[in-house]
């Protein structure tokens, strides 16, 4: 049974989250502040943490930085709908980011993705790179490539649509799970550039000017 930490100071939201998660078969522990969450994480192991960005004794980002050493995936559930904050969260390694108000079924789907419960140990090959979907790892030969969560998601999209011309709008929608209204178009350009730098000659990402990208 997967153990999920819920750090949320709004009692009604916390109650709804824990009820839905436990109904899905997860074990939950709820804390309303960072201090309480640090105490329980020192005593118990967790498979995922749902963090509010605004907490009574600090920010969810502070909590996330402390959980990073424990390799606990972070999924932000917050009212903060700021593009810079969202991109920074993914750069820092967040597994996902969903804004309030949210649809519970969508959140549960994202949780399953963060826990790799839909992956089935799938292995994808794109150019000279190999993606272990279950483990969330990307390797070129014997070398593991370090990607942020958003870079990894972008690479998965390319791997699942090889030789297909993907329009920029299509890619943005898939990256943000249909929550891409706040994403500026140049955000995609930045992440494609970063992917190219990290993957080098192993994967060829072709720009189709004015339309989008094609791999393979």
N, C-alpha and C. Protein backbone atom coordinates (compact mmCIF):
# COMPACT_ATOMS: atom_id res chain seq x y z
N UNK A 1 0.85 -1.19 0.00
CA UNK A 1 0.00 0.00 0.00
C UNK A 1 0.88 1.24 0.00
N UNK A 2 0.70 2.11 -1.01
CA UNK A 2 1.50 3.33 -1.10
C UNK A 2 1.08 4.32 -0.01
N UNK A 3 2.09 4.98 0.59
CA UNK A 3 1.85 5.90 1.70
C UNK A 3 2.04 7.33 1.19
N UNK A 4 1.00 8.15 1.27
CA UNK A 4 1.03 9.52 0.76
C UNK A 4 0.92 10.53 1.89
N UNK A 5 1.82 11.50 1.88
CA UNK A 5 1.80 12.59 2.85
C UNK A 5 1.01 13.75 2.26
N UNK A 6 0.01 14.24 2.99
CA UNK A 6 -0.79 15.38 2.57
C UNK A 6 -0.49 16.54 3.50
N UNK A 7 0.13 17.61 2.97
CA UNK A 7 0.44 18.79 3.78
C UNK A 7 -0.46 19.92 3.30
N UNK A 8 -1.53 20.16 4.04
CA UNK A 8 -2.59 21.09 3.64
C UNK A 8 -3.23 21.68 4.89
N UNK A 9 -3.28 23.02 4.96
CA UNK A 9 -3.83 23.65 6.16
C UNK A 9 -5.33 23.92 6.09
N UNK A 10 -5.94 23.78 4.91
CA UNK A 10 -7.38 23.93 4.78
C UNK A 10 -8.04 22.61 5.15
N UNK A 11 -8.79 22.59 6.25
CA UNK A 11 -9.35 21.35 6.78
C UNK A 11 -10.29 20.66 5.80
N UNK A 12 -11.12 21.43 5.09
CA UNK A 12 -12.10 20.82 4.18
C UNK A 12 -11.40 20.17 2.98
N UNK A 13 -10.36 20.84 2.46
CA UNK A 13 -9.61 20.28 1.32
C UNK A 13 -8.86 19.04 1.77
N UNK A 14 -8.24 19.12 2.94
CA UNK A 14 -7.48 17.98 3.47
C UNK A 14 -8.39 16.77 3.67
N UNK A 15 -9.59 17.01 4.20
CA UNK A 15 -10.54 15.91 4.43
C UNK A 15 -10.95 15.27 3.10
N UNK A 16 -11.22 16.11 2.09
CA UNK A 16 -11.61 15.58 0.78
C UNK A 16 -10.48 14.78 0.14
N UNK A 17 -9.25 15.29 0.27
CA UNK A 17 -8.09 14.60 -0.30
C UNK A 17 -7.86 13.24 0.36
N UNK A 18 -7.83 13.22 1.68
CA UNK A 18 -7.55 11.97 2.38
C UNK A 18 -8.66 10.95 2.13
N UNK A 19 -9.91 11.42 2.07
CA UNK A 19 -11.02 10.49 1.81
C UNK A 19 -10.87 9.86 0.42
N UNK A 20 -10.62 10.70 -0.59
CA UNK A 20 -10.49 10.19 -1.96
C UNK A 20 -9.29 9.26 -2.11
N UNK A 21 -8.17 9.62 -1.49
CA UNK A 21 -6.97 8.79 -1.59
C UNK A 21 -7.17 7.44 -0.91
N UNK A 22 -7.76 7.44 0.26
CA UNK A 22 -7.97 6.18 0.98
C UNK A 22 -8.98 5.30 0.26
N UNK A 23 -9.95 5.92 -0.40
CA UNK A 23 -10.93 5.17 -1.18
C UNK A 23 -10.25 4.48 -2.36
N UNK A 24 -9.16 5.09 -2.86
CA UNK A 24 -8.40 4.50 -3.97
C UNK A 24 -7.40 3.45 -3.49
N UNK A 25 -7.32 3.26 -2.20
CA UNK A 25 -6.43 2.23 -1.66
C UNK A 25 -5.09 2.71 -1.16
N UNK A 26 -4.92 4.04 -1.05
CA UNK A 26 -3.68 4.58 -0.53
C UNK A 26 -3.78 4.75 0.99
N UNK A 27 -2.64 4.69 1.64
CA UNK A 27 -2.55 5.06 3.05
C UNK A 27 -2.15 6.53 3.11
N UNK A 28 -2.78 7.31 3.99
CA UNK A 28 -2.48 8.74 4.04
C UNK A 28 -2.09 9.19 5.45
N UNK A 29 -1.29 10.23 5.48
CA UNK A 29 -0.99 10.95 6.72
C UNK A 29 -1.15 12.43 6.41
N UNK A 30 -1.96 13.12 7.22
CA UNK A 30 -2.22 14.54 6.98
C UNK A 30 -1.50 15.40 8.01
N UNK A 31 -0.87 16.46 7.53
CA UNK A 31 -0.27 17.47 8.39
C UNK A 31 -0.70 18.84 7.88
N UNK A 32 -0.88 19.78 8.80
CA UNK A 32 -1.32 21.10 8.37
C UNK A 32 -0.19 22.12 8.32
N UNK A 33 1.00 21.73 8.76
CA UNK A 33 2.13 22.67 8.78
C UNK A 33 3.44 21.93 8.53
N UNK A 34 4.46 22.69 8.17
CA UNK A 34 5.77 22.10 7.88
C UNK A 34 6.35 21.41 9.10
N UNK A 35 6.22 22.03 10.25
CA UNK A 35 6.78 21.46 11.48
C UNK A 35 6.25 20.06 11.72
N UNK A 36 4.92 19.90 11.59
CA UNK A 36 4.31 18.58 11.79
C UNK A 36 4.78 17.59 10.72
N UNK A 37 4.87 18.08 9.47
CA UNK A 37 5.27 17.20 8.37
C UNK A 37 6.70 16.69 8.54
N UNK A 38 7.59 17.56 9.00
CA UNK A 38 8.97 17.13 9.22
C UNK A 38 9.06 16.07 10.30
N UNK A 39 8.21 16.21 11.31
CA UNK A 39 8.21 15.22 12.39
C UNK A 39 7.78 13.84 11.89
N UNK A 40 6.72 13.79 11.07
CA UNK A 40 6.22 12.49 10.61
C UNK A 40 7.14 11.88 9.56
N UNK A 41 7.78 12.71 8.73
CA UNK A 41 8.68 12.16 7.73
C UNK A 41 9.95 11.59 8.36
N UNK A 42 10.28 12.08 9.54
CA UNK A 42 11.45 11.53 10.25
C UNK A 42 11.14 10.15 10.83
N UNK A 43 9.84 9.89 11.03
CA UNK A 43 9.45 8.64 11.66
C UNK A 43 8.88 7.61 10.69
N UNK A 44 8.40 8.05 9.51
CA UNK A 44 7.75 7.14 8.57
C UNK A 44 8.27 7.37 7.15
N UNK A 45 8.13 6.34 6.33
CA UNK A 45 8.52 6.43 4.92
C UNK A 45 7.30 6.77 4.07
N UNK A 46 7.49 7.61 3.06
CA UNK A 46 6.40 8.02 2.19
C UNK A 46 6.78 7.79 0.73
N UNK A 47 5.77 7.50 -0.09
CA UNK A 47 5.98 7.27 -1.52
C UNK A 47 5.71 8.53 -2.34
N UNK A 48 4.97 9.50 -1.76
CA UNK A 48 4.63 10.72 -2.46
C UNK A 48 4.18 11.76 -1.44
N UNK A 49 4.44 13.04 -1.73
CA UNK A 49 3.97 14.12 -0.87
C UNK A 49 3.15 15.10 -1.69
N UNK A 50 1.93 15.39 -1.21
CA UNK A 50 1.10 16.43 -1.79
C UNK A 50 1.28 17.67 -0.95
N UNK A 51 1.82 18.73 -1.53
CA UNK A 51 2.15 19.92 -0.76
C UNK A 51 1.39 21.14 -1.22
N UNK A 52 0.81 21.86 -0.27
CA UNK A 52 0.29 23.19 -0.56
C UNK A 52 1.49 24.12 -0.63
N UNK A 53 1.42 25.14 -1.47
CA UNK A 53 2.54 26.07 -1.58
C UNK A 53 2.56 27.08 -0.44
N UNK A 54 1.38 27.40 0.12
CA UNK A 54 1.27 28.38 1.20
C UNK A 54 0.80 27.70 2.48
N UNK A 55 1.71 27.62 3.45
CA UNK A 55 1.42 26.93 4.70
C UNK A 55 1.60 27.89 5.88
N UNK A 56 1.02 27.58 7.04
CA UNK A 56 1.06 28.51 8.17
C UNK A 56 2.47 28.88 8.63
N UNK A 57 3.41 27.95 8.50
CA UNK A 57 4.76 28.22 9.01
C UNK A 57 5.82 28.24 7.91
N UNK A 58 5.40 28.50 6.67
CA UNK A 58 6.37 28.59 5.58
C UNK A 58 5.76 28.19 4.26
N UNK A 59 6.61 28.00 3.25
CA UNK A 59 6.14 27.64 1.92
C UNK A 59 6.36 26.15 1.64
N UNK A 60 5.55 25.62 0.74
CA UNK A 60 5.72 24.23 0.34
C UNK A 60 7.08 24.00 -0.26
N UNK A 61 7.65 25.03 -0.89
CA UNK A 61 8.98 24.89 -1.48
C UNK A 61 10.03 24.57 -0.41
N UNK A 62 9.88 25.19 0.77
CA UNK A 62 10.81 24.89 1.87
C UNK A 62 10.70 23.42 2.27
N UNK A 63 9.46 22.94 2.35
CA UNK A 63 9.24 21.54 2.71
C UNK A 63 9.81 20.62 1.64
N UNK A 64 9.61 20.97 0.38
CA UNK A 64 10.10 20.14 -0.73
C UNK A 64 11.62 20.01 -0.69
N UNK A 65 12.31 21.09 -0.37
CA UNK A 65 13.77 21.04 -0.34
C UNK A 65 14.26 20.08 0.74
N UNK A 66 13.50 19.96 1.82
CA UNK A 66 13.89 19.03 2.89
C UNK A 66 13.56 17.59 2.52
N UNK A 67 12.52 17.39 1.70
CA UNK A 67 12.14 16.04 1.30
C UNK A 67 13.00 15.51 0.17
N UNK A 68 13.68 16.41 -0.56
CA UNK A 68 14.46 16.00 -1.72
C UNK A 68 15.51 14.95 -1.36
N UNK A 69 16.13 15.12 -0.19
CA UNK A 69 17.17 14.16 0.21
C UNK A 69 16.60 12.79 0.50
N UNK A 70 15.29 12.72 0.75
CA UNK A 70 14.63 11.43 1.00
C UNK A 70 14.07 10.83 -0.29
N UNK A 71 14.27 11.53 -1.41
CA UNK A 71 13.81 11.06 -2.73
C UNK A 71 12.31 10.81 -2.76
N UNK A 72 11.55 11.67 -2.11
CA UNK A 72 10.09 11.57 -2.11
C UNK A 72 9.55 12.46 -3.23
N UNK A 73 8.82 11.90 -4.21
CA UNK A 73 8.25 12.73 -5.27
C UNK A 73 7.30 13.78 -4.70
N UNK A 74 7.34 14.98 -5.28
CA UNK A 74 6.53 16.10 -4.81
C UNK A 74 5.47 16.45 -5.85
N UNK A 75 4.22 16.56 -5.41
CA UNK A 75 3.14 17.05 -6.26
C UNK A 75 2.51 18.23 -5.54
N UNK A 76 2.65 19.42 -6.13
CA UNK A 76 2.08 20.62 -5.51
C UNK A 76 0.58 20.71 -5.82
N UNK A 77 -0.21 21.00 -4.79
CA UNK A 77 -1.65 21.26 -4.94
C UNK A 77 -1.88 22.61 -4.29
N UNK A 78 -2.02 23.65 -5.11
CA UNK A 78 -1.95 25.00 -4.57
C UNK A 78 -2.79 25.99 -5.36
N UNK A 79 -3.12 27.10 -4.72
CA UNK A 79 -3.85 28.17 -5.38
C UNK A 79 -2.91 29.07 -6.18
N UNK A 80 -1.60 28.92 -5.99
CA UNK A 80 -0.61 29.76 -6.67
C UNK A 80 -0.54 29.39 -8.15
N UNK A 81 -1.07 30.26 -9.00
CA UNK A 81 -1.14 30.02 -10.43
C UNK A 81 -0.25 31.03 -11.16
N UNK A 82 1.04 30.89 -10.95
CA UNK A 82 2.02 31.81 -11.51
C UNK A 82 3.00 31.02 -12.37
N UNK A 83 3.17 31.41 -13.63
CA UNK A 83 4.00 30.62 -14.54
C UNK A 83 5.43 30.48 -14.04
N UNK A 84 6.03 31.56 -13.55
CA UNK A 84 7.41 31.49 -13.07
C UNK A 84 7.52 30.49 -11.91
N UNK A 85 6.54 30.51 -11.01
CA UNK A 85 6.56 29.59 -9.87
C UNK A 85 6.41 28.15 -10.33
N UNK A 86 5.55 27.93 -11.32
CA UNK A 86 5.32 26.57 -11.82
C UNK A 86 6.58 26.04 -12.51
N UNK A 87 7.17 26.85 -13.38
CA UNK A 87 8.38 26.41 -14.08
C UNK A 87 9.52 26.17 -13.09
N UNK A 88 9.65 27.07 -12.09
CA UNK A 88 10.70 26.89 -11.08
C UNK A 88 10.49 25.59 -10.30
N UNK A 89 9.24 25.25 -10.02
CA UNK A 89 8.94 24.02 -9.28
C UNK A 89 9.37 22.79 -10.07
N UNK A 90 9.07 22.79 -11.38
CA UNK A 90 9.49 21.66 -12.21
C UNK A 90 11.01 21.62 -12.32
N UNK A 91 11.64 22.78 -12.44
CA UNK A 91 13.11 22.82 -12.49
C UNK A 91 13.73 22.25 -11.23
N UNK A 92 13.06 22.45 -10.11
CA UNK A 92 13.56 21.94 -8.83
C UNK A 92 13.26 20.46 -8.64
N UNK A 93 12.55 19.86 -9.60
CA UNK A 93 12.33 18.42 -9.55
C UNK A 93 10.94 17.96 -9.16
N UNK A 94 9.97 18.88 -9.09
CA UNK A 94 8.61 18.48 -8.74
C UNK A 94 8.07 17.48 -9.75
N UNK A 95 7.34 16.49 -9.27
CA UNK A 95 6.75 15.49 -10.16
C UNK A 95 5.57 16.08 -10.92
N UNK A 96 4.85 17.01 -10.29
CA UNK A 96 3.70 17.63 -10.95
C UNK A 96 3.26 18.85 -10.16
N UNK A 97 2.34 19.60 -10.76
CA UNK A 97 1.86 20.86 -10.16
C UNK A 97 0.43 21.05 -10.63
N UNK A 98 -0.52 21.12 -9.69
CA UNK A 98 -1.92 21.31 -10.05
C UNK A 98 -2.49 22.45 -9.21
N UNK A 99 -3.26 23.31 -9.86
CA UNK A 99 -3.78 24.48 -9.15
C UNK A 99 -5.21 24.25 -8.66
N UNK A 100 -5.53 24.93 -7.57
CA UNK A 100 -6.89 24.90 -7.02
C UNK A 100 -7.73 25.97 -7.72
N UNK A 101 -9.02 25.71 -7.91
CA UNK A 101 -9.73 24.47 -7.61
C UNK A 101 -9.36 23.39 -8.63
N UNK A 102 -9.36 22.14 -8.21
CA UNK A 102 -8.97 21.05 -9.08
C UNK A 102 -10.08 20.00 -9.13
N UNK A 103 -10.02 19.17 -10.17
CA UNK A 103 -10.94 18.05 -10.30
C UNK A 103 -10.29 16.83 -9.66
N UNK A 104 -11.00 16.17 -8.76
CA UNK A 104 -10.40 15.07 -8.01
C UNK A 104 -9.94 13.94 -8.92
N UNK A 105 -10.70 13.63 -9.95
CA UNK A 105 -10.30 12.54 -10.84
C UNK A 105 -9.00 12.87 -11.57
N UNK A 106 -8.84 14.14 -11.94
CA UNK A 106 -7.61 14.56 -12.60
C UNK A 106 -6.43 14.44 -11.63
N UNK A 107 -6.64 14.87 -10.38
CA UNK A 107 -5.58 14.78 -9.39
C UNK A 107 -5.18 13.32 -9.16
N UNK A 108 -6.14 12.44 -9.03
CA UNK A 108 -5.85 11.02 -8.82
C UNK A 108 -5.07 10.44 -9.99
N UNK A 109 -5.40 10.89 -11.20
CA UNK A 109 -4.67 10.43 -12.38
C UNK A 109 -3.22 10.89 -12.34
N UNK A 110 -3.01 12.13 -11.93
CA UNK A 110 -1.64 12.66 -11.84
C UNK A 110 -0.85 11.96 -10.74
N UNK A 111 -1.53 11.62 -9.66
CA UNK A 111 -0.86 10.88 -8.57
C UNK A 111 -0.38 9.53 -9.08
N UNK A 112 -1.22 8.84 -9.84
CA UNK A 112 -0.83 7.55 -10.40
C UNK A 112 0.38 7.68 -11.32
N UNK A 113 0.39 8.76 -12.10
CA UNK A 113 1.54 8.99 -12.99
C UNK A 113 2.80 9.25 -12.17
N UNK A 114 2.67 10.05 -11.11
CA UNK A 114 3.83 10.37 -10.27
C UNK A 114 4.38 9.13 -9.59
N UNK A 115 3.49 8.20 -9.28
CA UNK A 115 3.89 6.95 -8.62
C UNK A 115 4.25 5.87 -9.64
N UNK A 116 4.18 6.22 -10.93
CA UNK A 116 4.48 5.29 -12.03
C UNK A 116 3.57 4.08 -12.00
N UNK A 117 2.33 4.26 -11.56
CA UNK A 117 1.42 3.13 -11.47
C UNK A 117 0.81 2.75 -12.81
N UNK A 118 0.98 3.60 -13.81
CA UNK A 118 0.45 3.28 -15.14
C UNK A 118 1.55 2.86 -16.11
N UNK A 119 2.77 2.76 -15.62
CA UNK A 119 3.89 2.56 -16.54
C UNK A 119 4.09 1.12 -16.96
N UNK A 120 3.83 0.18 -16.06
CA UNK A 120 3.99 -1.22 -16.37
C UNK A 120 5.41 -1.61 -16.74
N UNK A 121 6.41 -0.87 -16.29
CA UNK A 121 7.79 -1.20 -16.57
C UNK A 121 8.17 -0.99 -18.03
N UNK A 122 7.49 -0.10 -18.72
CA UNK A 122 7.69 0.13 -20.14
C UNK A 122 9.08 0.71 -20.42
N UNK A 123 9.70 0.23 -21.50
CA UNK A 123 10.99 0.74 -21.95
C UNK A 123 10.78 1.34 -23.34
N UNK A 124 11.20 2.61 -23.51
CA UNK A 124 11.09 3.28 -24.80
C UNK A 124 12.49 3.65 -25.30
N UNK A 125 12.66 3.54 -26.62
CA UNK A 125 13.93 3.94 -27.24
C UNK A 125 13.66 5.08 -28.20
N UNK A 126 14.45 6.13 -28.10
CA UNK A 126 14.33 7.27 -29.01
C UNK A 126 15.74 7.67 -29.41
N UNK A 127 16.07 7.47 -30.68
CA UNK A 127 17.44 7.70 -31.12
C UNK A 127 18.39 6.82 -30.33
N UNK A 128 19.40 7.45 -29.75
CA UNK A 128 20.36 6.70 -28.94
C UNK A 128 20.04 6.71 -27.45
N UNK A 129 18.86 7.18 -27.10
CA UNK A 129 18.47 7.25 -25.68
C UNK A 129 17.46 6.16 -25.35
N UNK A 130 17.55 5.65 -24.14
CA UNK A 130 16.63 4.63 -23.65
C UNK A 130 15.92 5.19 -22.42
N UNK A 131 14.57 5.12 -22.43
CA UNK A 131 13.77 5.62 -21.32
C UNK A 131 13.16 4.46 -20.57
N UNK A 132 13.51 4.32 -19.29
CA UNK A 132 12.88 3.34 -18.40
C UNK A 132 11.71 4.07 -17.74
N UNK A 133 10.49 3.90 -18.30
CA UNK A 133 9.35 4.66 -17.84
C UNK A 133 9.01 4.34 -16.39
N UNK A 134 9.10 3.07 -16.02
CA UNK A 134 8.78 2.67 -14.65
C UNK A 134 9.69 3.32 -13.62
N UNK A 135 10.97 3.44 -13.96
CA UNK A 135 11.93 4.03 -13.03
C UNK A 135 12.10 5.53 -13.23
N UNK A 136 11.56 6.05 -14.36
CA UNK A 136 11.71 7.48 -14.63
C UNK A 136 13.15 7.86 -14.95
N UNK A 137 13.89 6.93 -15.61
CA UNK A 137 15.31 7.19 -15.91
C UNK A 137 15.53 7.26 -17.42
N UNK A 138 16.48 8.08 -17.82
CA UNK A 138 16.87 8.21 -19.22
C UNK A 138 18.37 7.94 -19.31
N UNK A 139 18.77 7.03 -20.19
CA UNK A 139 20.19 6.70 -20.32
C UNK A 139 20.62 6.77 -21.78
N UNK A 140 21.86 7.20 -21.97
CA UNK A 140 22.52 7.14 -23.27
C UNK A 140 23.73 6.26 -23.06
N UNK A 141 23.68 5.06 -23.60
CA UNK A 141 24.72 4.09 -23.29
C UNK A 141 24.66 3.75 -21.81
N UNK A 142 25.79 3.86 -21.14
CA UNK A 142 25.84 3.59 -19.69
C UNK A 142 25.63 4.84 -18.86
N UNK A 143 25.46 5.99 -19.52
CA UNK A 143 25.36 7.26 -18.81
C UNK A 143 23.91 7.66 -18.59
N UNK A 144 23.55 7.91 -17.32
CA UNK A 144 22.20 8.38 -17.02
C UNK A 144 22.13 9.89 -17.19
N UNK A 145 21.08 10.36 -17.86
CA UNK A 145 20.88 11.78 -18.14
C UNK A 145 19.95 12.38 -17.09
N UNK A 146 20.38 13.46 -16.47
CA UNK A 146 19.57 14.13 -15.45
C UNK A 146 18.62 15.13 -16.13
N UNK A 147 17.31 14.88 -16.00
CA UNK A 147 16.30 15.76 -16.57
C UNK A 147 15.36 16.25 -15.49
N UNK A 148 14.85 17.46 -15.65
CA UNK A 148 13.80 17.93 -14.76
C UNK A 148 12.51 17.20 -15.13
N UNK A 149 11.50 17.31 -14.27
CA UNK A 149 10.24 16.62 -14.52
C UNK A 149 9.62 17.07 -15.84
N UNK A 150 9.70 18.37 -16.15
CA UNK A 150 9.09 18.87 -17.37
C UNK A 150 9.90 18.43 -18.60
N UNK A 151 11.21 18.43 -18.50
CA UNK A 151 12.05 17.95 -19.60
C UNK A 151 11.78 16.48 -19.87
N UNK A 152 11.63 15.70 -18.80
CA UNK A 152 11.36 14.27 -18.93
C UNK A 152 10.01 14.05 -19.62
N UNK A 153 9.01 14.82 -19.21
CA UNK A 153 7.68 14.68 -19.81
C UNK A 153 7.72 15.04 -21.29
N UNK A 154 8.48 16.08 -21.63
CA UNK A 154 8.62 16.48 -23.03
C UNK A 154 9.29 15.38 -23.85
N UNK A 155 10.33 14.77 -23.31
CA UNK A 155 11.01 13.68 -24.01
C UNK A 155 10.08 12.49 -24.21
N UNK A 156 9.25 12.18 -23.21
CA UNK A 156 8.28 11.10 -23.34
C UNK A 156 7.31 11.36 -24.49
N UNK A 157 6.86 12.60 -24.61
CA UNK A 157 5.95 12.96 -25.69
C UNK A 157 6.60 12.70 -27.04
N UNK A 158 7.86 13.11 -27.18
CA UNK A 158 8.58 12.87 -28.43
C UNK A 158 8.76 11.36 -28.68
N UNK A 159 9.08 10.62 -27.63
CA UNK A 159 9.31 9.18 -27.76
C UNK A 159 8.05 8.43 -28.17
N UNK A 160 6.91 8.91 -27.70
CA UNK A 160 5.63 8.26 -28.01
C UNK A 160 5.05 8.71 -29.34
N UNK A 161 5.69 9.69 -29.98
CA UNK A 161 5.18 10.22 -31.24
C UNK A 161 6.32 10.40 -32.25
N UNK A 162 7.17 9.40 -32.37
CA UNK A 162 8.32 9.51 -33.25
C UNK A 162 7.89 9.56 -34.72
N UNK A 163 8.58 10.39 -35.50
CA UNK A 163 8.34 10.61 -36.93
C UNK A 163 7.04 11.36 -37.20
N UNK A 164 6.38 11.84 -36.13
CA UNK A 164 5.13 12.59 -36.28
C UNK A 164 5.41 14.08 -36.04
N UNK A 165 4.88 14.91 -36.92
CA UNK A 165 5.02 16.36 -36.73
C UNK A 165 4.05 16.80 -35.65
N UNK A 166 4.58 17.29 -34.54
CA UNK A 166 3.76 17.75 -33.42
C UNK A 166 3.73 19.27 -33.41
N UNK A 167 2.53 19.82 -33.45
CA UNK A 167 2.41 21.26 -33.37
C UNK A 167 2.72 21.74 -31.96
N UNK A 168 3.19 22.96 -31.85
CA UNK A 168 3.58 23.50 -30.55
C UNK A 168 2.41 23.46 -29.56
N UNK A 169 1.22 23.81 -30.05
CA UNK A 169 0.05 23.82 -29.17
C UNK A 169 -0.25 22.42 -28.64
N UNK A 170 -0.10 21.41 -29.49
CA UNK A 170 -0.33 20.03 -29.06
C UNK A 170 0.63 19.64 -27.95
N UNK A 171 1.89 20.00 -28.12
CA UNK A 171 2.90 19.64 -27.13
C UNK A 171 2.63 20.32 -25.80
N UNK A 172 2.31 21.60 -25.84
CA UNK A 172 2.05 22.34 -24.60
C UNK A 172 0.87 21.76 -23.85
N UNK A 173 -0.18 21.39 -24.58
CA UNK A 173 -1.35 20.80 -23.93
C UNK A 173 -0.99 19.50 -23.23
N UNK A 174 -0.16 18.68 -23.89
CA UNK A 174 0.21 17.39 -23.30
C UNK A 174 1.15 17.55 -22.11
N UNK A 175 2.06 18.50 -22.21
CA UNK A 175 2.99 18.73 -21.10
C UNK A 175 2.23 19.10 -19.83
N UNK A 176 1.25 19.96 -19.98
CA UNK A 176 0.55 20.49 -18.81
C UNK A 176 -0.79 19.80 -18.57
N UNK A 177 -0.99 18.62 -19.20
CA UNK A 177 -2.23 17.86 -18.97
C UNK A 177 -3.47 18.72 -19.13
N UNK A 178 -3.52 19.45 -20.25
CA UNK A 178 -4.67 20.28 -20.61
C UNK A 178 -4.84 21.46 -19.67
N UNK A 179 -3.82 21.76 -18.85
CA UNK A 179 -3.90 22.92 -17.95
C UNK A 179 -2.94 24.00 -18.42
N UNK A 180 -2.76 24.13 -19.73
CA UNK A 180 -1.70 24.98 -20.26
C UNK A 180 -2.08 26.40 -20.60
N UNK A 181 -3.18 26.92 -20.08
CA UNK A 181 -3.58 28.27 -20.44
C UNK A 181 -2.55 29.31 -20.03
N UNK A 182 -1.80 29.06 -18.95
CA UNK A 182 -0.86 30.04 -18.44
C UNK A 182 0.51 29.95 -19.09
N UNK A 183 0.73 28.96 -19.97
CA UNK A 183 2.06 28.71 -20.52
C UNK A 183 2.30 29.59 -21.74
N UNK A 184 3.36 30.37 -21.69
CA UNK A 184 3.74 31.17 -22.85
C UNK A 184 4.44 30.27 -23.86
N UNK A 185 4.30 30.61 -25.12
CA UNK A 185 4.84 29.78 -26.18
C UNK A 185 6.35 29.63 -26.09
N UNK A 186 7.04 30.68 -25.62
CA UNK A 186 8.51 30.59 -25.58
C UNK A 186 9.01 29.64 -24.49
N UNK A 187 8.12 29.23 -23.57
CA UNK A 187 8.51 28.24 -22.56
C UNK A 187 8.92 26.94 -23.25
N UNK A 188 8.16 26.53 -24.25
CA UNK A 188 8.48 25.29 -24.98
C UNK A 188 9.83 25.40 -25.67
N UNK A 189 10.12 26.54 -26.28
CA UNK A 189 11.40 26.76 -26.95
C UNK A 189 12.56 26.55 -25.98
N UNK A 190 12.41 27.08 -24.78
CA UNK A 190 13.45 26.95 -23.76
C UNK A 190 13.70 25.49 -23.41
N UNK A 191 12.62 24.72 -23.23
CA UNK A 191 12.78 23.33 -22.80
C UNK A 191 13.29 22.43 -23.92
N UNK A 192 12.93 22.72 -25.15
CA UNK A 192 13.49 21.96 -26.27
C UNK A 192 14.99 22.23 -26.37
N UNK A 193 15.38 23.49 -26.18
CA UNK A 193 16.80 23.85 -26.21
C UNK A 193 17.57 23.09 -25.12
N UNK A 194 16.99 23.02 -23.92
CA UNK A 194 17.65 22.31 -22.82
C UNK A 194 17.77 20.82 -23.11
N UNK A 195 16.71 20.25 -23.70
CA UNK A 195 16.75 18.82 -24.05
C UNK A 195 17.86 18.56 -25.06
N UNK A 196 17.94 19.40 -26.07
CA UNK A 196 18.98 19.22 -27.08
C UNK A 196 20.38 19.27 -26.46
N UNK A 197 20.58 20.19 -25.55
CA UNK A 197 21.89 20.33 -24.90
C UNK A 197 22.22 19.09 -24.08
N UNK A 198 21.23 18.54 -23.39
CA UNK A 198 21.48 17.39 -22.52
C UNK A 198 21.62 16.08 -23.29
N UNK A 199 20.87 15.95 -24.39
CA UNK A 199 20.88 14.71 -25.16
C UNK A 199 21.96 14.69 -26.23
N UNK A 200 22.45 15.86 -26.62
CA UNK A 200 23.51 15.93 -27.62
C UNK A 200 23.09 15.31 -28.94
N UNK A 201 23.99 14.50 -29.53
CA UNK A 201 23.72 13.88 -30.83
C UNK A 201 22.87 12.63 -30.73
N UNK A 202 22.56 12.20 -29.52
CA UNK A 202 21.83 10.94 -29.35
C UNK A 202 20.40 11.01 -29.88
N UNK A 203 19.79 12.19 -29.77
CA UNK A 203 18.41 12.36 -30.23
C UNK A 203 18.33 13.61 -31.10
N UNK A 204 17.78 13.45 -32.30
CA UNK A 204 17.65 14.58 -33.23
C UNK A 204 16.24 15.15 -33.15
N UNK A 205 16.13 16.38 -32.65
CA UNK A 205 14.84 17.07 -32.56
C UNK A 205 14.83 18.15 -33.64
N UNK A 206 14.00 17.95 -34.66
CA UNK A 206 13.96 18.86 -35.80
C UNK A 206 12.88 19.92 -35.61
N UNK A 207 13.25 21.17 -35.78
CA UNK A 207 12.28 22.26 -35.72
C UNK A 207 11.65 22.46 -37.09
N UNK A 208 10.33 22.42 -37.13
CA UNK A 208 9.59 22.73 -38.37
C UNK A 208 9.07 24.15 -38.18
N UNK A 209 9.73 25.10 -38.79
CA UNK A 209 9.49 26.51 -38.54
C UNK A 209 8.01 26.90 -38.69
N UNK A 210 7.52 27.56 -37.66
CA UNK A 210 6.14 28.04 -37.69
C UNK A 210 5.10 27.00 -37.34
N UNK A 211 5.54 25.75 -37.12
CA UNK A 211 4.58 24.67 -36.83
C UNK A 211 4.89 23.97 -35.51
N UNK A 212 6.06 23.34 -35.45
CA UNK A 212 6.36 22.57 -34.24
C UNK A 212 7.66 21.79 -34.36
N UNK A 213 7.63 20.51 -33.91
CA UNK A 213 8.84 19.69 -33.88
C UNK A 213 8.56 18.27 -34.35
N UNK A 214 9.62 17.64 -34.85
CA UNK A 214 9.55 16.23 -35.24
C UNK A 214 10.82 15.53 -34.75
N UNK A 215 10.65 14.32 -34.22
CA UNK A 215 11.81 13.51 -33.81
C UNK A 215 11.76 12.21 -34.59
N UNK A 216 12.88 11.86 -35.23
CA UNK A 216 12.94 10.62 -35.96
C UNK A 216 12.42 10.72 -37.39
